[in-house]
Amino acid sequence: MRVFANLLATSAICLLAAEAAETVDNIFATIATLTPSGVLIWYLWYTQTKTFPDMVREHKAELMAVQAGFVETLSEERKTRVQELREAFASTLKSERALRIDELRAISICRFPKDGTDANSRS
């Protein structure tokens, strides 16, 4: 009986060792199968949580800098244009005023000549 028990124990140990070896092989096979998937999952996680948000943040900062520069340039351009338009308007008014004054002088000379007679009474 003792021999039978030893034989049974030995065969049990061999079975456990074979199962352990098979389990180790299964573990290595599982690891070999999961490694590319794990790397892919890590890569996706890293790009979604680190790379893309950093790129978006940097892009927004660049756009804000460009926009600020554009707004400043546009403001300066508006000031320059307004000044040019004011000067052009003032010079136009000045020239029209001078023409109107000349017309009024001509009219007043015709109506009231320097000799003191009225142009309407000369007939």
C-alpha atoms as a PDB file:
ATOM      1  CA  MET A   1       0.000   0.000   0.000  1.00  0.00           C
ATOM      2  CA  ARG A   2       2.842   2.248   0.773  1.00  0.00           C
ATOM      3  CA  VAL A   3       4.303   1.645  -2.657  1.00  0.00           C
ATOM      4  CA  PHE A   4       0.999   2.404  -4.202  1.00  0.00           C
ATOM      5  CA  ALA A   5       0.784   5.645  -2.203  1.00  0.00           C
ATOM      6  CA  ASN A   6       4.337   6.609  -3.240  1.00  0.00           C
ATOM      7  CA  LEU A   7       3.510   5.859  -6.850  1.00  0.00           C
ATOM      8  CA  LEU A   8       0.337   7.859  -6.593  1.00  0.00           C
ATOM      9  CA  ALA A   9       2.192  10.774  -4.980  1.00  0.00           C
ATOM     10  CA  THR A  10       4.925  10.651  -7.602  1.00  0.00           C
ATOM     11  CA  SER A  11       2.435  10.635 -10.444  1.00  0.00           C
ATOM     12  CA  ALA A  12       0.556  13.489  -8.811  1.00  0.00           C
ATOM     13  CA  ILE A  13       3.761  15.488  -8.533  1.00  0.00           C
ATOM     14  CA  CYS A  14       4.559  14.765 -12.195  1.00  0.00           C
ATOM     15  CA  LEU A  15       1.088  15.843 -13.202  1.00  0.00           C
ATOM     16  CA  LEU A  16       1.416  19.034 -11.184  1.00  0.00           C
ATOM     17  CA  ALA A  17       4.828  19.698 -12.693  1.00  0.00           C
ATOM     18  CA  ALA A  18       3.477  19.083 -16.184  1.00  0.00           C
ATOM     19  CA  GLU A  19       0.534  21.341 -15.499  1.00  0.00           C
ATOM     20  CA  ALA A  20       2.901  23.923 -14.044  1.00  0.00           C
ATOM     21  CA  ALA A  21       5.078  23.742 -17.138  1.00  0.00           C
ATOM     22  CA  GLU A  22       2.007  23.960 -19.289  1.00  0.00           C
ATOM     23  CA  THR A  23       0.798  26.863 -17.173  1.00  0.00           C
ATOM     24  CA  VAL A  24       4.166  28.588 -17.577  1.00  0.00           C
ATOM     25  CA  ASP A  25       3.956  28.008 -21.316  1.00  0.00           C
ATOM     26  CA  ASN A  26       0.427  29.371 -21.251  1.00  0.00           C
ATOM     27  CA  ILE A  27       1.603  32.376 -19.252  1.00  0.00           C
ATOM     28  CA  PHE A  28       4.376  33.081 -21.758  1.00  0.00           C
ATOM     29  CA  ALA A  29       1.954  32.602 -24.634  1.00  0.00           C
ATOM     30  CA  THR A  30      -0.517  34.930 -22.963  1.00  0.00           C
ATOM     31  CA  ILE A  31       2.192  37.514 -22.322  1.00  0.00           C
ATOM     32  CA  ALA A  32       3.378  37.203 -25.917  1.00  0.00           C
ATOM     33  CA  THR A  33      -0.180  37.724 -27.109  1.00  0.00           C
ATOM     34  CA  LEU A  34      -0.938  40.620 -24.770  1.00  0.00           C
ATOM     35  CA  THR A  35       2.342  42.513 -25.221  1.00  0.00           C
ATOM     36  CA  PRO A  36       1.493  44.118 -28.602  1.00  0.00           C
ATOM     37  CA  SER A  37      -1.994  44.885 -27.378  1.00  0.00           C
ATOM     38  CA  GLY A  38      -0.598  46.363 -24.181  1.00  0.00           C
ATOM     39  CA  VAL A  39       1.887  48.494 -26.080  1.00  0.00           C
ATOM     40  CA  LEU A  40      -0.887  49.682 -28.377  1.00  0.00           C
ATOM     41  CA  ILE A  41      -3.165  50.469 -25.445  1.00  0.00           C
ATOM     42  CA  TRP A  42      -0.361  52.366 -23.678  1.00  0.00           C
ATOM     43  CA  TYR A  43       0.426  54.287 -26.894  1.00  0.00           C
ATOM     44  CA  LEU A  44      -3.217  55.272 -27.339  1.00  0.00           C
ATOM     45  CA  TRP A  45      -3.505  56.310 -23.688  1.00  0.00           C
ATOM     46  CA  TYR A  46      -0.306  58.345 -23.880  1.00  0.00           C
ATOM     47  CA  THR A  47      -1.261  60.148 -27.080  1.00  0.00           C
ATOM     48  CA  GLN A  48      -4.766  60.879 -25.816  1.00  0.00           C
ATOM     49  CA  THR A  49      -3.768  62.084 -22.356  1.00  0.00           C
ATOM     50  CA  LYS A  50      -0.340  63.636 -22.951  1.00  0.00           C
ATOM     51  CA  THR A  51       0.603  64.287 -26.561  1.00  0.00           C
ATOM     52  CA  PHE A  52      -2.619  65.664 -28.051  1.00  0.00           C
ATOM     53  CA  PRO A  53      -3.514  67.934 -25.108  1.00  0.00           C
ATOM     54  CA  ASP A  54       0.023  69.367 -25.133  1.00  0.00           C
ATOM     55  CA  MET A  55      -0.170  69.957 -28.886  1.00  0.00           C
ATOM     56  CA  VAL A  56      -3.562  71.649 -28.557  1.00  0.00           C
ATOM     57  CA  ARG A  57      -2.315  73.808 -25.676  1.00  0.00           C
ATOM     58  CA  GLU A  58       0.749  74.925 -27.657  1.00  0.00           C
ATOM     59  CA  HIS A  59      -1.363  75.581 -30.754  1.00  0.00           C
ATOM     60  CA  LYS A  60      -3.808  77.714 -28.747  1.00  0.00           C
ATOM     61  CA  ALA A  61      -0.922  79.709 -27.262  1.00  0.00           C
ATOM     62  CA  GLU A  62       0.499  80.334 -30.745  1.00  0.00           C
ATOM     63  CA  LEU A  63      -2.893  81.381 -32.072  1.00  0.00           C
ATOM     64  CA  MET A  64      -3.429  83.746 -29.152  1.00  0.00           C
ATOM     65  CA  ALA A  65      -0.030  85.359 -29.825  1.00  0.00           C
ATOM     66  CA  VAL A  66      -0.837  85.747 -33.523  1.00  0.00           C
ATOM     67  CA  GLN A  67      -4.278  87.131 -32.705  1.00  0.00           C
ATOM     68  CA  ALA A  68      -2.850  89.632 -30.224  1.00  0.00           C
ATOM     69  CA  GLY A  69      -0.331  90.802 -32.818  1.00  0.00           C
ATOM     70  CA  PHE A  70      -3.075  91.123 -35.425  1.00  0.00           C
ATOM     71  CA  VAL A  71      -5.329  93.101 -33.099  1.00  0.00           C
ATOM     72  CA  GLU A  72      -2.474  95.475 -32.274  1.00  0.00           C
ATOM     73  CA  THR A  73      -1.582  95.940 -35.935  1.00  0.00           C
ATOM     74  CA  LEU A  74      -5.230  96.442 -36.860  1.00  0.00           C
ATOM     75  CA  SER A  75      -5.640  99.048 -34.126  1.00  0.00           C
ATOM     76  CA  GLU A  76      -2.606 100.971 -35.375  1.00  0.00           C
ATOM     77  CA  GLU A  77      -3.884 100.740 -38.943  1.00  0.00           C
ATOM     78  CA  ARG A  78      -7.292 102.084 -37.888  1.00  0.00           C
ATOM     79  CA  LYS A  79      -5.692 105.021 -36.086  1.00  0.00           C
ATOM     80  CA  THR A  80      -3.587 105.808 -39.149  1.00  0.00           C
ATOM     81  CA  ARG A  81      -6.595 105.568 -41.484  1.00  0.00           C
ATOM     82  CA  VAL A  82      -8.757 107.749 -39.236  1.00  0.00           C
ATOM     83  CA  GLN A  83      -6.002 110.369 -39.070  1.00  0.00           C
ATOM     84  CA  GLU A  84      -5.600 110.297 -42.866  1.00  0.00           C
ATOM     85  CA  LEU A  85      -9.366 110.626 -43.378  1.00  0.00           C
ATOM     86  CA  ARG A  86      -9.581 113.533 -40.920  1.00  0.00           C
ATOM     87  CA  GLU A  87      -6.734 115.316 -42.662  1.00  0.00           C
ATOM     88  CA  ALA A  88      -8.322 114.713 -46.090  1.00  0.00           C
ATOM     89  CA  PHE A  89     -11.709 115.925 -44.820  1.00  0.00           C
ATOM     90  CA  ALA A  90     -10.160 119.017 -43.247  1.00  0.00           C
ATOM     91  CA  SER A  91      -8.256 119.882 -46.433  1.00  0.00           C
ATOM     92  CA  THR A  92     -11.424 119.368 -48.526  1.00  0.00           C
ATOM     93  CA  LEU A  93     -13.402 121.629 -46.218  1.00  0.00           C
ATOM     94  CA  LYS A  94     -10.629 124.212 -46.309  1.00  0.00           C
ATOM     95  CA  SER A  95     -10.489 124.234 -50.109  1.00  0.00           C
ATOM     96  CA  GLU A  96     -14.296 124.380 -50.409  1.00  0.00           C
ATOM     97  CA  ARG A  97     -14.391 127.170 -47.863  1.00  0.00           C
ATOM     98  CA  ALA A  98     -11.786 129.099 -49.850  1.00  0.00           C
ATOM     99  CA  LEU A  99     -13.796 128.617 -53.073  1.00  0.00           C
ATOM    100  CA  ARG A 100     -16.985 129.719 -51.338  1.00  0.00           C
ATOM    101  CA  ILE A 101     -15.253 132.817 -49.967  1.00  0.00           C
ATOM    102  CA  ASP A 102     -13.989 133.652 -53.456  1.00  0.00           C
ATOM    103  CA  GLU A 103     -17.515 133.217 -54.874  1.00  0.00           C
ATOM    104  CA  LEU A 104     -18.964 135.436 -52.155  1.00  0.00           C
ATOM    105  CA  ARG A 105     -16.309 138.110 -52.865  1.00  0.00           C
ATOM    106  CA  ALA A 106     -17.130 137.981 -56.567  1.00  0.00           C
ATOM    107  CA  ILE A 107     -20.836 138.277 -55.799  1.00  0.00           C
ATOM    108  CA  SER A 108     -20.255 141.151 -53.382  1.00  0.00           C
ATOM    109  CA  ILE A 109     -18.029 142.972 -55.892  1.00  0.00           C
ATOM    110  CA  CYS A 110     -20.723 142.645 -58.553  1.00  0.00           C
ATOM    111  CA  ARG A 111     -23.424 143.874 -56.208  1.00  0.00           C
ATOM    112  CA  PHE A 112     -21.398 146.528 -54.465  1.00  0.00           C
ATOM    113  CA  PRO A 113     -18.655 147.912 -56.697  1.00  0.00           C
ATOM    114  CA  LYS A 114     -15.871 149.967 -55.130  1.00  0.00           C
ATOM    115  CA  ASP A 115     -17.096 153.208 -56.610  1.00  0.00           C
ATOM    116  CA  GLY A 116     -20.002 153.029 -54.186  1.00  0.00           C
ATOM    117  CA  THR A 117     -22.767 152.630 -56.693  1.00  0.00           C
ATOM    118  CA  ASP A 118     -25.197 149.784 -56.520  1.00  0.00           C
ATOM    119  CA  ALA A 119     -24.979 147.361 -59.440  1.00  0.00           C
ATOM    120  CA  ASN A 120     -28.772 147.025 -59.461  1.00  0.00           C
ATOM    121  CA  SER A 121     -29.289 150.732 -59.869  1.00  0.00           C
ATOM    122  CA  ARG A 122     -27.040 151.001 -62.951  1.00  0.00           C
ATOM    123  CA  SER A 123     -29.414 150.585 -65.755  1.00  0.00           C
END
